[in-house]
PDB file of all heavy atoms in Angstrom:
ATOM      1  N   LEU A   1      69.208  70.457  18.271  1.00  0.00           N
ATOM      2  CA  LEU A   1      68.699  69.522  19.271  1.00  0.00           C
ATOM      3  C   LEU A   1      67.252  69.835  19.626  1.00  0.00           C
ATOM      4  O   LEU A   1      66.423  68.925  19.779  1.00  0.00           O
ATOM      5  CB  LEU A   1      69.583  69.534  20.519  1.00  0.00           C
ATOM      6  CG  LEU A   1      70.798  68.586  20.488  1.00  0.00           C
ATOM      7  CD1 LEU A   1      71.768  68.971  19.376  1.00  0.00           C
ATOM      8  CD2 LEU A   1      71.523  68.582  21.834  1.00  0.00           C
ATOM      9  N   CYS A   2      66.927  71.110  19.738  1.00  0.00           N
ATOM     10  CA  CYS A   2      65.551  71.484  20.062  1.00  0.00           C
ATOM     11  C   CYS A   2      64.597  71.123  18.922  1.00  0.00           C
ATOM     12  O   CYS A   2      63.467  70.697  19.161  1.00  0.00           O
ATOM     13  CB  CYS A   2      65.477  72.972  20.379  1.00  0.00           C
ATOM     14  SG  CYS A   2      66.236  73.424  21.959  1.00  0.00           S
ATOM     15  N   ALA A   3      65.073  71.274  17.692  1.00  0.00           N
ATOM     16  CA  ALA A   3      64.236  70.891  16.552  1.00  0.00           C
ATOM     17  C   ALA A   3      63.931  69.396  16.582  1.00  0.00           C
ATOM     18  O   ALA A   3      62.806  68.966  16.267  1.00  0.00           O
ATOM     19  CB  ALA A   3      64.929  71.269  15.245  1.00  0.00           C
ATOM     20  N   ARG A   4      64.917  68.588  16.947  1.00  0.00           N
ATOM     21  CA  ARG A   4      64.686  67.143  17.038  1.00  0.00           C
ATOM     22  C   ARG A   4      63.701  66.810  18.155  1.00  0.00           C
ATOM     23  O   ARG A   4      62.861  65.899  18.008  1.00  0.00           O
ATOM     24  CB  ARG A   4      66.014  66.406  17.255  1.00  0.00           C
ATOM     25  CG  ARG A   4      65.881  64.892  17.357  1.00  0.00           C
ATOM     26  CD  ARG A   4      65.230  64.294  16.132  1.00  0.00           C
ATOM     27  NE  ARG A   4      65.067  62.843  16.260  1.00  0.00           N
ATOM     28  CZ  ARG A   4      64.199  62.134  15.559  1.00  0.00           C
ATOM     29  NH1 ARG A   4      63.408  62.718  14.661  1.00  0.00           N
ATOM     30  NH2 ARG A   4      64.112  60.823  15.736  1.00  0.00           N
ATOM     31  N   MET A   5      63.785  67.536  19.267  1.00  0.00           N
ATOM     32  CA  MET A   5      62.839  67.323  20.359  1.00  0.00           C
ATOM     33  C   MET A   5      61.413  67.616  19.911  1.00  0.00           C
ATOM     34  O   MET A   5      60.472  66.902  20.281  1.00  0.00           O
ATOM     35  CB  MET A   5      63.234  68.185  21.554  1.00  0.00           C
ATOM     36  CG  MET A   5      64.537  67.744  22.216  1.00  0.00           C
ATOM     37  SD  MET A   5      65.171  68.938  23.410  1.00  0.00           S
ATOM     38  CE  MET A   5      63.941  68.790  24.709  1.00  0.00           C
ATOM     39  N   VAL A   6      61.247  68.655  19.100  1.00  0.00           N
ATOM     40  CA  VAL A   6      59.918  68.960  18.569  1.00  0.00           C
ATOM     41  C   VAL A   6      59.415  67.801  17.723  1.00  0.00           C
ATOM     42  O   VAL A   6      58.257  67.374  17.838  1.00  0.00           O
ATOM     43  CB  VAL A   6      59.955  70.267  17.746  1.00  0.00           C
ATOM     44  CG1 VAL A   6      58.635  70.464  16.999  1.00  0.00           C
ATOM     45  CG2 VAL A   6      60.234  71.461  18.652  1.00  0.00           C
ATOM     46  N   LYS A   7      60.279  67.254  16.874  1.00  0.00           N
ATOM     47  CA  LYS A   7      59.885  66.137  16.027  1.00  0.00           C
ATOM     48  C   LYS A   7      59.504  64.906  16.849  1.00  0.00           C
ATOM     49  O   LYS A   7      58.650  64.108  16.447  1.00  0.00           O
ATOM     50  CB  LYS A   7      61.027  65.777  15.072  1.00  0.00           C
ATOM     51  CG  LYS A   7      61.225  66.762  13.951  1.00  0.00           C
ATOM     52  CD  LYS A   7      60.019  66.798  13.017  1.00  0.00           C
ATOM     53  CE  LYS A   7      60.254  67.703  11.829  1.00  0.00           C
ATOM     54  NZ  LYS A   7      59.054  67.759  10.936  1.00  0.00           N
ATOM     55  N   ARG A   8      60.100  64.752  18.011  1.00  0.00           N
ATOM     56  CA  ARG A   8      59.788  63.599  18.865  1.00  0.00           C
ATOM     57  C   ARG A   8      58.568  63.852  19.751  1.00  0.00           C
ATOM     58  O   ARG A   8      58.172  62.993  20.527  1.00  0.00           O
ATOM     59  CB  ARG A   8      60.999  63.239  19.729  1.00  0.00           C
ATOM     60  CG  ARG A   8      62.143  62.632  18.924  1.00  0.00           C
ATOM     61  CD  ARG A   8      63.136  61.919  19.831  1.00  0.00           C
ATOM     62  NE  ARG A   8      62.526  60.875  20.647  1.00  0.00           N
ATOM     63  CZ  ARG A   8      62.203  59.657  20.213  1.00  0.00           C
ATOM     64  NH1 ARG A   8      62.426  59.322  18.965  1.00  0.00           N
ATOM     65  NH2 ARG A   8      61.668  58.768  21.035  1.00  0.00           N
ATOM     66  N   GLY A   9      57.986  65.038  19.667  1.00  0.00           N
ATOM     67  CA  GLY A   9      56.778  65.319  20.432  1.00  0.00           C
ATOM     68  C   GLY A   9      57.033  65.682  21.876  1.00  0.00           C
ATOM     69  O   GLY A   9      56.143  65.534  22.726  1.00  0.00           O
ATOM     70  N   VAL A  10      58.248  66.160  22.179  1.00  0.00           N
ATOM     71  CA  VAL A  10      58.564  66.587  23.548  1.00  0.00           C
ATOM     72  C   VAL A  10      57.777  67.862  23.865  1.00  0.00           C
ATOM     73  O   VAL A  10      57.702  68.778  23.035  1.00  0.00           O
ATOM     74  CB  VAL A  10      60.079  66.822  23.696  1.00  0.00           C
ATOM     75  CG1 VAL A  10      60.416  67.426  25.049  1.00  0.00           C
ATOM     76  CG2 VAL A  10      60.829  65.505  23.494  1.00  0.00           C
ATOM     77  N   THR A  11      57.198  67.921  25.040  1.00  0.00           N
ATOM     78  CA  THR A  11      56.331  69.043  25.409  1.00  0.00           C
ATOM     79  C   THR A  11      57.120  70.319  25.674  1.00  0.00           C
ATOM     80  O   THR A  11      56.715  71.409  25.253  1.00  0.00           O
ATOM     81  CB  THR A  11      55.502  68.670  26.646  1.00  0.00           C
ATOM     82  OG1 THR A  11      54.621  67.593  26.304  1.00  0.00           O
ATOM     83  CG2 THR A  11      54.678  69.851  27.148  1.00  0.00           C
ATOM     84  N   ALA A  12      58.260  70.209  26.376  1.00  0.00           N
ATOM     85  CA  ALA A  12      59.016  71.407  26.743  1.00  0.00           C
ATOM     86  C   ALA A  12      60.396  71.013  27.239  1.00  0.00           C
ATOM     87  O   ALA A  12      60.647  69.845  27.576  1.00  0.00           O
ATOM     88  CB  ALA A  12      58.282  72.205  27.826  1.00  0.00           C
ATOM     89  N   LEU A  13      61.271  72.000  27.282  1.00  0.00           N
ATOM     90  CA  LEU A  13      62.607  71.867  27.867  1.00  0.00           C
ATOM     91  C   LEU A  13      62.695  72.798  29.058  1.00  0.00           C
ATOM     92  O   LEU A  13      62.373  73.983  28.952  1.00  0.00           O
ATOM     93  CB  LEU A  13      63.680  72.239  26.840  1.00  0.00           C
ATOM     94  CG  LEU A  13      65.101  72.477  27.364  1.00  0.00           C
ATOM     95  CD1 LEU A  13      65.681  71.202  27.968  1.00  0.00           C
ATOM     96  CD2 LEU A  13      65.998  73.012  26.251  1.00  0.00           C
ATOM     97  N   ILE A  14      63.139  72.252  30.189  1.00  0.00           N
ATOM     98  CA  ILE A  14      63.295  73.049  31.407  1.00  0.00           C
ATOM     99  C   ILE A  14      64.679  72.803  31.975  1.00  0.00           C
ATOM    100  O   ILE A  14      65.104  71.652  32.121  1.00  0.00           O
ATOM    101  CB  ILE A  14      62.210  72.692  32.444  1.00  0.00           C
ATOM    102  CG1 ILE A  14      60.835  73.127  31.909  1.00  0.00           C
ATOM    103  CG2 ILE A  14      62.500  73.337  33.795  1.00  0.00           C
ATOM    104  CD1 ILE A  14      59.689  72.774  32.797  1.00  0.00           C
ATOM    105  N   THR A  15      65.392  73.884  32.302  1.00  0.00           N
ATOM    106  CA  THR A  15      66.739  73.745  32.848  1.00  0.00           C
ATOM    107  C   THR A  15      67.085  74.928  33.733  1.00  0.00           C
ATOM    108  O   THR A  15      66.535  76.020  33.568  1.00  0.00           O
ATOM    109  CB  THR A  15      67.785  73.628  31.721  1.00  0.00           C
ATOM    110  OG1 THR A  15      69.082  73.471  32.283  1.00  0.00           O
ATOM    111  CG2 THR A  15      67.778  74.867  30.825  1.00  0.00           C
ATOM    112  N   ASP A  16      68.007  74.688  34.664  1.00  0.00           N
ATOM    113  CA  ASP A  16      68.548  75.786  35.468  1.00  0.00           C
ATOM    114  C   ASP A  16      69.768  76.399  34.788  1.00  0.00           C
ATOM    115  O   ASP A  16      70.415  77.286  35.335  1.00  0.00           O
ATOM    116  CB  ASP A  16      68.907  75.312  36.873  1.00  0.00           C
ATOM    117  CG  ASP A  16      69.845  74.110  36.889  1.00  0.00           C
ATOM    118  OD1 ASP A  16      70.289  73.680  35.794  1.00  0.00           O
ATOM    119  OD2 ASP A  16      70.138  73.598  37.981  1.00  0.00           O
ATOM    120  N   GLY A  17      70.083  75.923  33.573  1.00  0.00           N
ATOM    121  CA  GLY A  17      71.165  76.470  32.780  1.00  0.00           C
ATOM    122  C   GLY A  17      70.626  77.347  31.663  1.00  0.00           C
ATOM    123  O   GLY A  17      69.555  77.946  31.783  1.00  0.00           O
ATOM    124  N   VAL A  18      71.378  77.399  30.538  1.00  0.00           N
ATOM    125  CA  VAL A  18      71.012  78.277  29.436  1.00  0.00           C
ATOM    126  C   VAL A  18      71.040  77.501  28.112  1.00  0.00           C
ATOM    127  O   VAL A  18      71.571  76.389  28.035  1.00  0.00           O
ATOM    128  CB  VAL A  18      71.965  79.488  29.345  1.00  0.00           C
ATOM    129  CG1 VAL A  18      71.939  80.286  30.647  1.00  0.00           C
ATOM    130  CG2 VAL A  18      73.405  79.053  29.040  1.00  0.00           C
ATOM    131  N   VAL A  19      70.448  78.098  27.091  1.00  0.00           N
ATOM    132  CA  VAL A  19      70.484  77.535  25.747  1.00  0.00           C
ATOM    133  C   VAL A  19      71.377  78.401  24.863  1.00  0.00           C
ATOM    134  O   VAL A  19      71.791  79.491  25.246  1.00  0.00           O
ATOM    135  CB  VAL A  19      69.065  77.431  25.137  1.00  0.00           C
ATOM    136  CG1 VAL A  19      68.213  76.456  25.931  1.00  0.00           C
ATOM    137  CG2 VAL A  19      68.393  78.803  25.080  1.00  0.00           C
ATOM    138  N   ARG A  20      71.685  77.898  23.686  1.00  0.00           N
ATOM    139  CA  ARG A  20      72.456  78.656  22.700  1.00  0.00           C
ATOM    140  C   ARG A  20      71.688  78.678  21.381  1.00  0.00           C
ATOM    141  O   ARG A  20      70.660  78.019  21.252  1.00  0.00           O
ATOM    142  CB  ARG A  20      73.851  78.038  22.529  1.00  0.00           C
ATOM    143  CG  ARG A  20      73.842  76.633  21.968  1.00  0.00           C
ATOM    144  CD  ARG A  20      75.188  75.924  22.094  1.00  0.00           C
ATOM    145  NE  ARG A  20      76.279  76.598  21.442  1.00  0.00           N
ATOM    146  CZ  ARG A  20      76.910  76.135  20.357  1.00  0.00           C
ATOM    147  NH1 ARG A  20      76.531  74.983  19.807  1.00  0.00           N
ATOM    148  NH2 ARG A  20      77.917  76.798  19.833  1.00  0.00           N
ATOM    149  N   ASP A  21      72.204  79.434  20.399  1.00  0.00           N
ATOM    150  CA  ASP A  21      71.483  79.589  19.124  1.00  0.00           C
ATOM    151  C   ASP A  21      70.069  80.106  19.380  1.00  0.00           C
ATOM    152  O   ASP A  21      69.077  79.530  18.914  1.00  0.00           O
ATOM    153  CB  ASP A  21      71.393  78.257  18.359  1.00  0.00           C
ATOM    154  CG  ASP A  21      72.751  77.632  18.083  1.00  0.00           C
ATOM    155  OD1 ASP A  21      73.653  78.377  17.648  1.00  0.00           O
ATOM    156  OD2 ASP A  21      72.905  76.420  18.307  1.00  0.00           O
ATOM    157  N   LEU A  22      69.987  81.207  20.126  1.00  0.00           N
ATOM    158  CA  LEU A  22      68.691  81.670  20.627  1.00  0.00           C
ATOM    159  C   LEU A  22      67.662  81.841  19.518  1.00  0.00           C
ATOM    160  O   LEU A  22      66.533  81.349  19.637  1.00  0.00           O
ATOM    161  CB  LEU A  22      68.874  82.993  21.382  1.00  0.00           C
ATOM    162  CG  LEU A  22      67.585  83.638  21.887  1.00  0.00           C
ATOM    163  CD1 LEU A  22      66.882  82.737  22.886  1.00  0.00           C
ATOM    164  CD2 LEU A  22      67.879  85.002  22.503  1.00  0.00           C
ATOM    165  N   GLU A  23      68.025  82.533  18.461  1.00  0.00           N
ATOM    166  CA  GLU A  23      67.056  82.774  17.394  1.00  0.00           C
ATOM    167  C   GLU A  23      66.559  81.459  16.803  1.00  0.00           C
ATOM    168  O   GLU A  23      65.360  81.279  16.560  1.00  0.00           O
ATOM    169  CB  GLU A  23      67.682  83.644  16.306  1.00  0.00           C
ATOM    170  CG  GLU A  23      66.710  84.046  15.208  1.00  0.00           C
ATOM    171  CD  GLU A  23      67.325  85.005  14.201  1.00  0.00           C
ATOM    172  OE1 GLU A  23      68.436  85.510  14.446  1.00  0.00           O
ATOM    173  OE2 GLU A  23      66.690  85.239  13.146  1.00  0.00           O
ATOM    174  N   GLY A  24      67.484  80.526  16.607  1.00  0.00           N
ATOM    175  CA  GLY A  24      67.097  79.231  16.064  1.00  0.00           C
ATOM    176  C   GLY A  24      66.240  78.429  17.019  1.00  0.00           C
ATOM    177  O   GLY A  24      65.277  77.773  16.603  1.00  0.00           O
ATOM    178  N   VAL A  25      66.591  78.442  18.299  1.00  0.00           N
ATOM    179  CA  VAL A  25      65.807  77.723  19.301  1.00  0.00           C
ATOM    180  C   VAL A  25      64.375  78.241  19.318  1.00  0.00           C
ATOM    181  O   VAL A  25      63.404  77.466  19.309  1.00  0.00           O
ATOM    182  CB  VAL A  25      66.447  77.850  20.696  1.00  0.00           C
ATOM    183  CG1 VAL A  25      65.481  77.377  21.779  1.00  0.00           C
ATOM    184  CG2 VAL A  25      67.738  77.043  20.760  1.00  0.00           C
ATOM    185  N   MET A  26      64.224  79.548  19.311  1.00  0.00           N
ATOM    186  CA  MET A  26      62.878  80.115  19.327  1.00  0.00           C
ATOM    187  C   MET A  26      62.138  79.785  18.038  1.00  0.00           C
ATOM    188  O   MET A  26      60.916  79.593  18.036  1.00  0.00           O
ATOM    189  CB  MET A  26      62.957  81.614  19.571  1.00  0.00           C
ATOM    190  CG  MET A  26      63.528  81.953  20.941  1.00  0.00           C
ATOM    191  SD  MET A  26      63.523  83.715  21.335  1.00  0.00           S
ATOM    192  CE  MET A  26      61.777  83.982  21.637  1.00  0.00           C
ATOM    193  N   GLY A  27      62.886  79.671  16.953  1.00  0.00           N
ATOM    194  CA  GLY A  27      62.264  79.327  15.681  1.00  0.00           C
ATOM    195  C   GLY A  27      61.724  77.914  15.632  1.00  0.00           C
ATOM    196  O   GLY A  27      60.836  77.615  14.822  1.00  0.00           O
TER     197      GLY A  27
END
């Protein structure tokens, strides 16, 4: 999902929760 957001030109993701697939998200 984060990779798709990058492709759509989203500036950032902000949440009071957490993400998963940490290594992949950072990648």
